[in-house]
């Protein structure tokens, strides 16, 4: 049950981040920079912090 709670919290956080990014960024360039930053963070997490 604890694993499911973690996944639910992660999904809620992802939705909140998407909503905030959509409200803050009005330019396509800012969105691309944000996605690149998230991709770099994901790379660091999976290859260095596992």
N, C-alpha and C. Protein backbone atom coordinates (compact mmCIF):
# COMPACT_ATOMS: atom_id res chain seq x y z
N UNK A 1 0.83 -1.20 0.00
CA UNK A 1 0.00 0.00 0.00
C UNK A 1 0.86 1.25 0.00
N UNK A 2 2.01 1.19 0.63
CA UNK A 2 2.89 2.35 0.70
C UNK A 2 3.41 2.74 -0.68
N UNK A 3 3.70 1.72 -1.55
CA UNK A 3 4.18 2.01 -2.90
C UNK A 3 3.11 2.76 -3.71
N UNK A 4 1.87 2.35 -3.55
CA UNK A 4 0.79 3.02 -4.27
C UNK A 4 0.66 4.48 -3.84
N UNK A 5 0.82 4.74 -2.57
CA UNK A 5 0.75 6.10 -2.06
C UNK A 5 1.85 6.97 -2.67
N UNK A 6 3.05 6.41 -2.80
CA UNK A 6 4.16 7.15 -3.40
C UNK A 6 3.84 7.49 -4.85
N UNK A 7 3.30 6.53 -5.60
CA UNK A 7 2.96 6.78 -7.00
C UNK A 7 1.85 7.82 -7.13
N UNK A 8 0.87 7.79 -6.24
CA UNK A 8 -0.22 8.76 -6.28
C UNK A 8 0.32 10.17 -5.99
N UNK A 9 1.19 10.27 -4.99
CA UNK A 9 1.77 11.58 -4.68
C UNK A 9 2.61 12.09 -5.84
N UNK A 10 3.37 11.19 -6.48
CA UNK A 10 4.19 11.59 -7.64
C UNK A 10 3.31 12.07 -8.79
N UNK A 11 2.19 11.41 -9.03
CA UNK A 11 1.29 11.84 -10.10
C UNK A 11 0.65 13.19 -9.79
N UNK A 12 0.27 13.39 -8.54
CA UNK A 12 -0.31 14.68 -8.15
C UNK A 12 0.73 15.79 -8.32
N UNK A 13 1.97 15.52 -7.91
CA UNK A 13 3.03 16.52 -8.07
C UNK A 13 3.27 16.81 -9.54
N UNK A 14 3.24 15.79 -10.40
CA UNK A 14 3.43 16.00 -11.83
C UNK A 14 2.33 16.88 -12.41
N UNK A 15 1.09 16.65 -12.03
CA UNK A 15 -0.03 17.46 -12.51
C UNK A 15 0.13 18.91 -12.05
N UNK A 16 0.52 19.10 -10.80
CA UNK A 16 0.71 20.46 -10.28
C UNK A 16 1.83 21.17 -11.05
N UNK A 17 2.92 20.47 -11.31
CA UNK A 17 4.03 21.07 -12.06
C UNK A 17 3.57 21.45 -13.47
N UNK A 18 2.82 20.60 -14.12
CA UNK A 18 2.34 20.89 -15.48
C UNK A 18 1.44 22.12 -15.47
N UNK A 19 0.54 22.21 -14.51
CA UNK A 19 -0.37 23.36 -14.43
C UNK A 19 0.41 24.65 -14.19
N UNK A 20 1.38 24.60 -13.26
CA UNK A 20 2.17 25.79 -12.96
C UNK A 20 2.98 26.22 -14.17
N UNK A 21 3.59 25.26 -14.85
CA UNK A 21 4.39 25.59 -16.04
C UNK A 21 3.52 26.21 -17.12
N UNK A 22 2.32 25.68 -17.31
CA UNK A 22 1.42 26.23 -18.32
C UNK A 22 1.00 27.66 -17.97
N UNK A 23 0.80 27.95 -16.70
CA UNK A 23 0.38 29.29 -16.31
C UNK A 23 1.54 30.28 -16.36
N UNK A 24 2.74 29.82 -16.01
CA UNK A 24 3.89 30.72 -15.95
C UNK A 24 4.46 30.98 -17.33
N UNK A 25 4.62 29.93 -18.12
CA UNK A 25 5.25 30.09 -19.43
C UNK A 25 4.19 30.39 -20.48
N UNK A 26 4.46 31.41 -21.24
CA UNK A 26 3.58 31.71 -22.36
C UNK A 26 4.32 31.54 -23.67
N UNK A 27 5.58 31.26 -23.60
CA UNK A 27 6.42 31.18 -24.79
C UNK A 27 6.87 29.74 -25.01
N UNK A 28 6.94 29.33 -26.25
CA UNK A 28 7.35 27.97 -26.58
C UNK A 28 8.80 27.72 -26.18
N UNK A 29 9.64 28.73 -26.27
CA UNK A 29 11.05 28.57 -25.91
C UNK A 29 11.19 28.23 -24.43
N UNK A 30 10.42 28.89 -23.57
CA UNK A 30 10.47 28.59 -22.14
C UNK A 30 10.03 27.16 -21.87
N UNK A 31 9.03 26.69 -22.59
CA UNK A 31 8.56 25.32 -22.42
C UNK A 31 9.64 24.33 -22.83
N UNK A 32 10.32 24.60 -23.93
CA UNK A 32 11.38 23.71 -24.40
C UNK A 32 12.53 23.68 -23.40
N UNK A 33 12.89 24.83 -22.84
CA UNK A 33 13.96 24.90 -21.84
C UNK A 33 13.55 24.11 -20.59
N UNK A 34 12.30 24.22 -20.18
CA UNK A 34 11.82 23.49 -19.02
C UNK A 34 11.87 21.99 -19.26
N UNK A 35 11.44 21.54 -20.43
CA UNK A 35 11.49 20.12 -20.74
C UNK A 35 12.92 19.61 -20.80
N UNK A 36 13.83 20.41 -21.35
CA UNK A 36 15.24 20.01 -21.39
C UNK A 36 15.79 19.89 -19.97
N UNK A 37 15.44 20.82 -19.10
CA UNK A 37 15.89 20.77 -17.71
C UNK A 37 15.36 19.53 -17.01
N UNK A 38 14.09 19.19 -17.23
CA UNK A 38 13.52 17.99 -16.63
C UNK A 38 14.20 16.73 -17.17
N UNK A 39 14.54 16.73 -18.45
CA UNK A 39 15.22 15.57 -19.03
C UNK A 39 16.61 15.40 -18.42
N UNK A 40 17.31 16.50 -18.19
CA UNK A 40 18.63 16.43 -17.55
C UNK A 40 18.50 15.90 -16.13
N UNK A 41 17.50 16.37 -15.39
CA UNK A 41 17.28 15.87 -14.03
C UNK A 41 16.96 14.38 -14.03
N UNK A 42 16.15 13.93 -14.98
CA UNK A 42 15.82 12.51 -15.08
C UNK A 42 17.06 11.69 -15.39
N UNK A 43 17.91 12.19 -16.29
CA UNK A 43 19.16 11.49 -16.62
C UNK A 43 20.05 11.37 -15.39
N UNK A 44 20.20 12.45 -14.64
CA UNK A 44 21.03 12.42 -13.43
C UNK A 44 20.45 11.43 -12.43
N UNK A 45 19.15 11.43 -12.26
CA UNK A 45 18.53 10.53 -11.29
C UNK A 45 18.75 9.06 -11.67
N UNK A 46 18.47 8.70 -12.93
CA UNK A 46 18.54 7.30 -13.31
C UNK A 46 19.95 6.76 -13.43
N UNK A 47 20.91 7.60 -13.80
CA UNK A 47 22.25 7.08 -14.02
C UNK A 47 23.23 7.32 -12.87
N UNK A 48 22.92 8.22 -11.96
CA UNK A 48 23.85 8.51 -10.88
C UNK A 48 23.27 8.25 -9.49
N UNK A 49 21.99 8.35 -9.31
CA UNK A 49 21.41 8.27 -7.97
C UNK A 49 20.63 6.99 -7.70
N UNK A 50 20.69 6.00 -8.62
CA UNK A 50 19.90 4.81 -8.35
C UNK A 50 20.53 3.92 -7.35
